[in-house]
Amino acid sequence: MDFGDLKVIRLSDKRGANGTRLWECRCKCGEVIYVLGASLRAGYYKSCGCNREEKRDIGAREHEKTDRVDGTRKTALKAKLHKGNKSGHKGVRWNESRQKWTAHIGFKGKQISLGYFSEKEDAIKARKRAEEKYFDPILNSDTEYKG
């Protein structure tokens, strides 16, 4: 008997969490999985999960094509502040060894140092200027990555 891409092989000796025996099934990809009969009949299982992974990968590739501009991901530029950030601003942190604030920005897979500053506000200003220089042309672009 078939349920989607799963072909029931036999009732196995394996048992589910509630003690019910599981059905041994072979997926079209060749993977063997064990499933509750009620779950098969209800349509909860139609494959071993290989279809889900395939669809996910296709979706991820499509997103990457529309998200990249000139090798840079637009969504990364708009990402929220990391929960571990102590300065309150992206790309600005306290450098303990130099006892100064440092600013940096990531662009096209590279980290660009924007300098060291005695005042946090100066580091924030440097980061904002760099965002305008590097990020604004990409965020305001309608160009898609042709990669």
C-alpha atoms as a PDB file:
ATOM      1  CA  MET A   1       0.000   0.000   0.000  1.00  0.00           C
ATOM      2  CA  ASP A   2       1.309   3.486  -0.886  1.00  0.00           C
ATOM      3  CA  PHE A   3       0.921   6.777   0.968  1.00  0.00           C
ATOM      4  CA  GLY A   4       2.344   9.520  -1.215  1.00  0.00           C
ATOM      5  CA  ASP A   5       5.971   8.592  -1.840  1.00  0.00           C
ATOM      6  CA  LEU A   6       5.966   6.013   0.982  1.00  0.00           C
ATOM      7  CA  LYS A   7       5.423   2.323   0.279  1.00  0.00           C
ATOM      8  CA  VAL A   8       4.437   0.241   3.313  1.00  0.00           C
ATOM      9  CA  ILE A   9       6.770  -2.758   3.653  1.00  0.00           C
ATOM     10  CA  ARG A  10       5.515  -4.444   6.840  1.00  0.00           C
ATOM     11  CA  LEU A  11       4.343  -3.987  10.401  1.00  0.00           C
ATOM     12  CA  SER A  12       7.592  -3.787  12.375  1.00  0.00           C
ATOM     13  CA  ASP A  13       8.488  -4.789  15.914  1.00  0.00           C
ATOM     14  CA  LYS A  14       9.410  -1.165  16.697  1.00  0.00           C
ATOM     15  CA  ARG A  15       7.003   0.764  18.868  1.00  0.00           C
ATOM     16  CA  GLY A  16       6.014   4.420  19.098  1.00  0.00           C
ATOM     17  CA  ALA A  17       6.000   6.522  22.259  1.00  0.00           C
ATOM     18  CA  ASN A  18       2.563   5.221  23.230  1.00  0.00           C
ATOM     19  CA  GLY A  19       3.543   1.579  22.663  1.00  0.00           C
ATOM     20  CA  THR A  20       1.789   1.231  19.301  1.00  0.00           C
ATOM     21  CA  ARG A  21       3.642  -0.792  16.682  1.00  0.00           C
ATOM     22  CA  LEU A  22       5.099   1.188  13.790  1.00  0.00           C
ATOM     23  CA  TRP A  23       4.880   0.474  10.087  1.00  0.00           C
ATOM     24  CA  GLU A  24       8.121   0.133   8.176  1.00  0.00           C
ATOM     25  CA  CYS A  25       7.934   2.212   4.994  1.00  0.00           C
ATOM     26  CA  ARG A  26      10.321   2.846   2.121  1.00  0.00           C
ATOM     27  CA  CYS A  27      10.396   6.272   0.513  1.00  0.00           C
ATOM     28  CA  LYS A  28      10.852   6.767  -3.236  1.00  0.00           C
ATOM     29  CA  CYS A  29      14.374   8.047  -2.447  1.00  0.00           C
ATOM     30  CA  GLY A  30      15.213   4.672  -0.821  1.00  0.00           C
ATOM     31  CA  GLU A  31      15.162   5.830   2.819  1.00  0.00           C
ATOM     32  CA  VAL A  32      13.380   3.538   5.304  1.00  0.00           C
ATOM     33  CA  ILE A  33      11.294   5.148   8.042  1.00  0.00           C
ATOM     34  CA  TYR A  34       8.948   3.881  10.756  1.00  0.00           C
ATOM     35  CA  VAL A  35       5.530   5.530  11.076  1.00  0.00           C
ATOM     36  CA  LEU A  36       2.329   5.124  13.094  1.00  0.00           C
ATOM     37  CA  GLY A  37      -0.481   3.709  10.976  1.00  0.00           C
ATOM     38  CA  ALA A  38      -2.824   6.511  12.074  1.00  0.00           C
ATOM     39  CA  SER A  39      -0.300   9.080  10.891  1.00  0.00           C
ATOM     40  CA  LEU A  40      -0.089   7.413   7.477  1.00  0.00           C
ATOM     41  CA  ARG A  41      -3.874   7.252   7.114  1.00  0.00           C
ATOM     42  CA  ALA A  42      -4.276  10.878   8.211  1.00  0.00           C
ATOM     43  CA  GLY A  43      -1.738  11.976   5.577  1.00  0.00           C
ATOM     44  CA  TYR A  44       0.808  13.350   8.057  1.00  0.00           C
ATOM     45  CA  TYR A  45       3.566  11.394   6.330  1.00  0.00           C
ATOM     46  CA  LYS A  46       3.902  11.296   2.552  1.00  0.00           C
ATOM     47  CA  SER A  47       7.691  10.988   2.335  1.00  0.00           C
ATOM     48  CA  CYS A  48      10.704  10.618   4.584  1.00  0.00           C
ATOM     49  CA  GLY A  49      11.253  14.359   4.409  1.00  0.00           C
ATOM     50  CA  CYS A  50      13.328  14.379   1.242  1.00  0.00           C
ATOM     51  CA  ASN A  51      10.651  16.436  -0.558  1.00  0.00           C
ATOM     52  CA  ARG A  52      10.698  19.058   2.193  1.00  0.00           C
ATOM     53  CA  GLU A  53      14.478  19.400   1.944  1.00  0.00           C
ATOM     54  CA  GLU A  54      14.297  19.678  -1.838  1.00  0.00           C
ATOM     55  CA  LYS A  55      11.618  22.393  -1.650  1.00  0.00           C
ATOM     56  CA  ARG A  56      13.565  24.218   1.069  1.00  0.00           C
ATOM     57  CA  ASP A  57      16.727  24.204  -1.018  1.00  0.00           C
ATOM     58  CA  ILE A  58      14.887  25.526  -4.084  1.00  0.00           C
ATOM     59  CA  GLY A  59      13.314  28.271  -1.962  1.00  0.00           C
ATOM     60  CA  ALA A  60      16.668  29.193  -0.439  1.00  0.00           C
ATOM     61  CA  ARG A  61      18.299  29.475  -3.885  1.00  0.00           C
ATOM     62  CA  GLU A  62      15.440  31.660  -5.158  1.00  0.00           C
ATOM     63  CA  HIS A  63      15.683  33.919  -2.093  1.00  0.00           C
ATOM     64  CA  GLU A  64      19.444  34.232  -2.509  1.00  0.00           C
ATOM     65  CA  LYS A  65      19.047  35.307  -6.156  1.00  0.00           C
ATOM     66  CA  THR A  66      16.655  38.127  -5.266  1.00  0.00           C
ATOM     67  CA  ASP A  67      18.434  39.077  -2.013  1.00  0.00           C
ATOM     68  CA  ARG A  68      21.928  39.614  -3.432  1.00  0.00           C
ATOM     69  CA  VAL A  69      23.106  42.787  -5.074  1.00  0.00           C
ATOM     70  CA  ASP A  70      26.699  42.957  -6.270  1.00  0.00           C
ATOM     71  CA  GLY A  71      27.650  40.087  -3.946  1.00  0.00           C
ATOM     72  CA  THR A  72      26.030  41.583  -0.840  1.00  0.00           C
ATOM     73  CA  ARG A  73      22.881  40.300   0.901  1.00  0.00           C
ATOM     74  CA  LYS A  74      20.289  43.064   1.339  1.00  0.00           C
ATOM     75  CA  THR A  75      18.619  41.341   4.310  1.00  0.00           C
ATOM     76  CA  ALA A  76      21.944  41.219   6.175  1.00  0.00           C
ATOM     77  CA  LEU A  77      22.224  44.991   5.851  1.00  0.00           C
ATOM     78  CA  LYS A  78      18.832  45.443   7.526  1.00  0.00           C
ATOM     79  CA  ALA A  79      19.352  42.788  10.227  1.00  0.00           C
ATOM     80  CA  LYS A  80      18.508  43.585  13.840  1.00  0.00           C
ATOM     81  CA  LEU A  81      21.111  44.358  16.457  1.00  0.00           C
ATOM     82  CA  HIS A  82      22.718  41.231  17.930  1.00  0.00           C
ATOM     83  CA  LYS A  83      21.493  40.490  21.467  1.00  0.00           C
ATOM     84  CA  GLY A  84      25.093  40.420  22.741  1.00  0.00           C
ATOM     85  CA  ASN A  85      25.830  43.942  21.451  1.00  0.00           C
ATOM     86  CA  LYS A  86      26.830  46.176  24.374  1.00  0.00           C
ATOM     87  CA  SER A  87      27.255  49.501  22.547  1.00  0.00           C
ATOM     88  CA  GLY A  88      23.693  49.645  21.273  1.00  0.00           C
ATOM     89  CA  HIS A  89      24.898  50.178  17.683  1.00  0.00           C
ATOM     90  CA  LYS A  90      25.845  47.745  14.924  1.00  0.00           C
ATOM     91  CA  GLY A  91      29.544  47.676  14.133  1.00  0.00           C
ATOM     92  CA  VAL A  92      30.589  49.626  17.243  1.00  0.00           C
ATOM     93  CA  ARG A  93      32.315  47.982  20.187  1.00  0.00           C
ATOM     94  CA  TRP A  94      34.659  48.715  23.069  1.00  0.00           C
ATOM     95  CA  ASN A  95      38.233  47.538  22.501  1.00  0.00           C
ATOM     96  CA  GLU A  96      39.496  46.633  25.941  1.00  0.00           C
ATOM     97  CA  SER A  97      43.183  46.366  25.014  1.00  0.00           C
ATOM     98  CA  ARG A  98      43.291  49.838  23.420  1.00  0.00           C
ATOM     99  CA  GLN A  99      40.764  51.389  25.797  1.00  0.00           C
ATOM    100  CA  LYS A 100      38.973  52.907  22.805  1.00  0.00           C
ATOM    101  CA  TRP A 101      35.797  52.459  20.827  1.00  0.00           C
ATOM    102  CA  THR A 102      36.241  50.765  17.470  1.00  0.00           C
ATOM    103  CA  ALA A 103      33.955  50.893  14.467  1.00  0.00           C
ATOM    104  CA  HIS A 104      33.853  48.448  11.580  1.00  0.00           C
ATOM    105  CA  ILE A 105      31.553  47.440   8.759  1.00  0.00           C
ATOM    106  CA  GLY A 106      31.173  44.231   6.767  1.00  0.00           C
ATOM    107  CA  PHE A 107      30.816  44.580   3.018  1.00  0.00           C
ATOM    108  CA  LYS A 108      31.120  42.054   0.176  1.00  0.00           C
ATOM    109  CA  GLY A 109      32.427  39.425   2.595  1.00  0.00           C
ATOM    110  CA  LYS A 110      35.166  41.642   4.046  1.00  0.00           C
ATOM    111  CA  GLN A 111      35.471  43.473   7.380  1.00  0.00           C
ATOM    112  CA  ILE A 112      36.471  47.113   6.956  1.00  0.00           C
ATOM    113  CA  SER A 113      37.960  48.838   9.998  1.00  0.00           C
ATOM    114  CA  LEU A 114      36.701  52.390  10.397  1.00  0.00           C
ATOM    115  CA  GLY A 115      39.122  53.320  13.162  1.00  0.00           C
ATOM    116  CA  TYR A 116      39.499  53.731  16.905  1.00  0.00           C
ATOM    117  CA  PHE A 117      37.768  56.508  18.833  1.00  0.00           C
ATOM    118  CA  SER A 118      37.983  57.954  22.324  1.00  0.00           C
ATOM    119  CA  GLU A 119      34.277  58.826  22.254  1.00  0.00           C
ATOM    120  CA  LYS A 120      31.538  56.313  21.483  1.00  0.00           C
ATOM    121  CA  GLU A 121      29.568  58.971  19.572  1.00  0.00           C
ATOM    122  CA  ASP A 122      32.479  59.429  17.141  1.00  0.00           C
ATOM    123  CA  ALA A 123      32.571  55.675  16.462  1.00  0.00           C
ATOM    124  CA  ILE A 124      28.805  55.703  15.860  1.00  0.00           C
ATOM    125  CA  LYS A 125      29.141  58.619  13.419  1.00  0.00           C
ATOM    126  CA  ALA A 126      31.901  56.783  11.522  1.00  0.00           C
ATOM    127  CA  ARG A 127      29.730  53.674  11.271  1.00  0.00           C
ATOM    128  CA  LYS A 128      26.722  55.699  10.027  1.00  0.00           C
ATOM    129  CA  ARG A 129      28.869  57.411   7.350  1.00  0.00           C
ATOM    130  CA  ALA A 130      30.142  53.990   6.230  1.00  0.00           C
ATOM    131  CA  GLU A 131      26.568  52.634   6.053  1.00  0.00           C
ATOM    132  CA  GLU A 132      25.625  55.567   3.814  1.00  0.00           C
ATOM    133  CA  LYS A 133      28.662  54.976   1.617  1.00  0.00           C
ATOM    134  CA  TYR A 134      28.450  51.175   1.331  1.00  0.00           C
ATOM    135  CA  PHE A 135      24.867  50.138   2.114  1.00  0.00           C
ATOM    136  CA  ASP A 136      22.626  52.910   0.769  1.00  0.00           C
ATOM    137  CA  PRO A 137      23.466  52.303  -2.922  1.00  0.00           C
ATOM    138  CA  ILE A 138      22.570  48.617  -2.481  1.00  0.00           C
ATOM    139  CA  LEU A 139      19.448  49.154  -0.375  1.00  0.00           C
ATOM    140  CA  ASN A 140      18.177  51.730  -2.861  1.00  0.00           C
ATOM    141  CA  SER A 141      18.981  49.511  -5.852  1.00  0.00           C
ATOM    142  CA  ASP A 142      16.440  47.453  -7.769  1.00  0.00           C
ATOM    143  CA  THR A 143      19.233  45.381  -9.271  1.00  0.00           C
ATOM    144  CA  GLU A 144      19.169  41.607  -8.693  1.00  0.00           C
ATOM    145  CA  TYR A 145      22.215  39.439  -8.267  1.00  0.00           C
ATOM    146  CA  LYS A 146      23.029  37.668 -11.524  1.00  0.00           C
ATOM    147  CA  GLY A 147      25.638  35.403  -9.877  1.00  0.00           C
END
